Amino acid sequence: MSQQKPRNDSNLVRTAASLSGIAIQMGATIYLGNLLGGWLDEKFQKTFLEDTITLLAVFLSIYLVIKKVMALNK
């Protein structure tokens, strides 16, 4: 019988925690962008700022996800 190496579960847990953190960060970024846009819409009596800032928050969160995943793959 050959001996098997013990698995390193700490690396797996660290990766899973990092990925769940990415999802929370993405949701929080989009939500806060939406809140900021709604507040600016009310403050300046405009109708397009909420949509624009929410869309920018989506792009920002996607950029941050890609950056984090590329860092995990190194």
C-alpha atoms as a PDB file:
ATOM      1  CA  MET A   1       0.000   0.000   0.000  1.00  0.00           C
ATOM      2  CA  SER A   2       1.225   3.482  -0.780  1.00  0.00           C
ATOM      3  CA  GLN A   3       0.950   6.274   1.675  1.00  0.00           C
ATOM      4  CA  GLN A   4      -1.173   9.245   0.766  1.00  0.00           C
ATOM      5  CA  LYS A   5      -0.161  12.767   1.595  1.00  0.00           C
ATOM      6  CA  PRO A   6      -2.423  14.513   4.070  1.00  0.00           C
ATOM      7  CA  ARG A   7      -4.623  17.075   2.356  1.00  0.00           C
ATOM      8  CA  ASN A   8      -4.074  20.708   3.099  1.00  0.00           C
ATOM      9  CA  ASP A   9      -7.622  21.818   3.919  1.00  0.00           C
ATOM     10  CA  SER A  10      -6.519  25.197   5.236  1.00  0.00           C
ATOM     11  CA  ASN A  11      -5.737  26.397   1.701  1.00  0.00           C
ATOM     12  CA  LEU A  12      -9.153  25.209   0.505  1.00  0.00           C
ATOM     13  CA  VAL A  13     -10.922  26.985   3.369  1.00  0.00           C
ATOM     14  CA  ARG A  14      -8.932  30.174   2.732  1.00  0.00           C
ATOM     15  CA  THR A  15      -9.894  30.136  -0.957  1.00  0.00           C
ATOM     16  CA  ALA A  16     -13.577  29.514  -0.165  1.00  0.00           C
ATOM     17  CA  ALA A  17     -13.606  32.356   2.365  1.00  0.00           C
ATOM     18  CA  SER A  18     -11.965  34.686  -0.124  1.00  0.00           C
ATOM     19  CA  LEU A  19     -14.523  33.833  -2.816  1.00  0.00           C
ATOM     20  CA  SER A  20     -17.439  34.390  -0.461  1.00  0.00           C
ATOM     21  CA  GLY A  21     -15.905  37.715   0.508  1.00  0.00           C
ATOM     22  CA  ILE A  22     -15.795  38.659  -3.167  1.00  0.00           C
ATOM     23  CA  ALA A  23     -19.544  38.038  -3.496  1.00  0.00           C
ATOM     24  CA  ILE A  24     -20.316  40.148  -0.434  1.00  0.00           C
ATOM     25  CA  GLN A  25     -18.045  42.940  -1.676  1.00  0.00           C
ATOM     26  CA  MET A  26     -19.714  42.898  -5.092  1.00  0.00           C
ATOM     27  CA  GLY A  27     -23.206  43.116  -3.625  1.00  0.00           C
ATOM     28  CA  ALA A  28     -22.232  45.871  -1.210  1.00  0.00           C
ATOM     29  CA  THR A  29     -20.576  47.939  -3.956  1.00  0.00           C
ATOM     30  CA  ILE A  30     -23.631  47.775  -6.196  1.00  0.00           C
ATOM     31  CA  TYR A  31     -26.034  48.469  -3.324  1.00  0.00           C
ATOM     32  CA  LEU A  32     -24.063  51.483  -2.094  1.00  0.00           C
ATOM     33  CA  GLY A  33     -23.791  52.807  -5.659  1.00  0.00           C
ATOM     34  CA  ASN A  34     -27.553  52.568  -5.969  1.00  0.00           C
ATOM     35  CA  LEU A  35     -28.086  54.385  -2.664  1.00  0.00           C
ATOM     36  CA  LEU A  36     -25.646  57.126  -3.662  1.00  0.00           C
ATOM     37  CA  GLY A  37     -27.323  57.557  -7.042  1.00  0.00           C
ATOM     38  CA  GLY A  38     -30.782  57.773  -5.468  1.00  0.00           C
ATOM     39  CA  TRP A  39     -29.577  60.354  -2.977  1.00  0.00           C
ATOM     40  CA  LEU A  40     -27.957  62.436  -5.743  1.00  0.00           C
ATOM     41  CA  ASP A  41     -31.156  62.196  -7.816  1.00  0.00           C
ATOM     42  CA  GLU A  42     -33.152  63.686  -4.945  1.00  0.00           C
ATOM     43  CA  LYS A  43     -30.545  66.308  -4.101  1.00  0.00           C
ATOM     44  CA  PHE A  44     -30.110  67.647  -7.642  1.00  0.00           C
ATOM     45  CA  GLN A  45     -33.647  66.901  -8.927  1.00  0.00           C
ATOM     46  CA  LYS A  46     -32.370  64.692 -11.759  1.00  0.00           C
ATOM     47  CA  THR A  47     -33.642  61.339 -13.014  1.00  0.00           C
ATOM     48  CA  PHE A  48     -30.562  59.717 -14.545  1.00  0.00           C
ATOM     49  CA  LEU A  49     -27.989  59.745 -11.751  1.00  0.00           C
ATOM     50  CA  GLU A  50     -29.250  56.649  -9.939  1.00  0.00           C
ATOM     51  CA  ASP A  51     -29.047  54.525 -13.081  1.00  0.00           C
ATOM     52  CA  THR A  52     -25.683  55.942 -14.094  1.00  0.00           C
ATOM     53  CA  ILE A  53     -23.984  55.509 -10.736  1.00  0.00           C
ATOM     54  CA  THR A  54     -25.470  52.032 -10.259  1.00  0.00           C
ATOM     55  CA  LEU A  55     -24.092  51.025 -13.656  1.00  0.00           C
ATOM     56  CA  LEU A  56     -20.681  52.443 -12.732  1.00  0.00           C
ATOM     57  CA  ALA A  57     -20.820  50.484  -9.466  1.00  0.00           C
ATOM     58  CA  VAL A  58     -21.546  47.290 -11.426  1.00  0.00           C
ATOM     59  CA  PHE A  59     -18.526  47.891 -13.661  1.00  0.00           C
ATOM     60  CA  LEU A  60     -16.369  48.697 -10.634  1.00  0.00           C
ATOM     61  CA  SER A  61     -17.455  45.543  -8.830  1.00  0.00           C
ATOM     62  CA  ILE A  62     -16.765  43.380 -11.904  1.00  0.00           C
ATOM     63  CA  TYR A  63     -13.304  44.948 -12.189  1.00  0.00           C
ATOM     64  CA  LEU A  64     -12.613  44.194  -8.518  1.00  0.00           C
ATOM     65  CA  VAL A  65     -13.804  40.593  -8.914  1.00  0.00           C
ATOM     66  CA  ILE A  66     -11.561  40.016 -11.927  1.00  0.00           C
ATOM     67  CA  LYS A  67      -8.606  41.575 -10.113  1.00  0.00           C
ATOM     68  CA  LYS A  68      -9.179  39.395  -7.025  1.00  0.00           C
ATOM     69  CA  VAL A  69      -9.625  36.175  -9.009  1.00  0.00           C
ATOM     70  CA  MET A  70      -6.437  36.840 -10.978  1.00  0.00           C
ATOM     71  CA  ALA A  71      -4.612  37.360  -7.686  1.00  0.00           C
ATOM     72  CA  LEU A  72      -5.979  34.029  -6.386  1.00  0.00           C
ATOM     73  CA  ASN A  73      -4.722  32.207  -9.492  1.00  0.00           C
ATOM     74  CA  LYS A  74      -1.122  33.311  -9.010  1.00  0.00           C
END
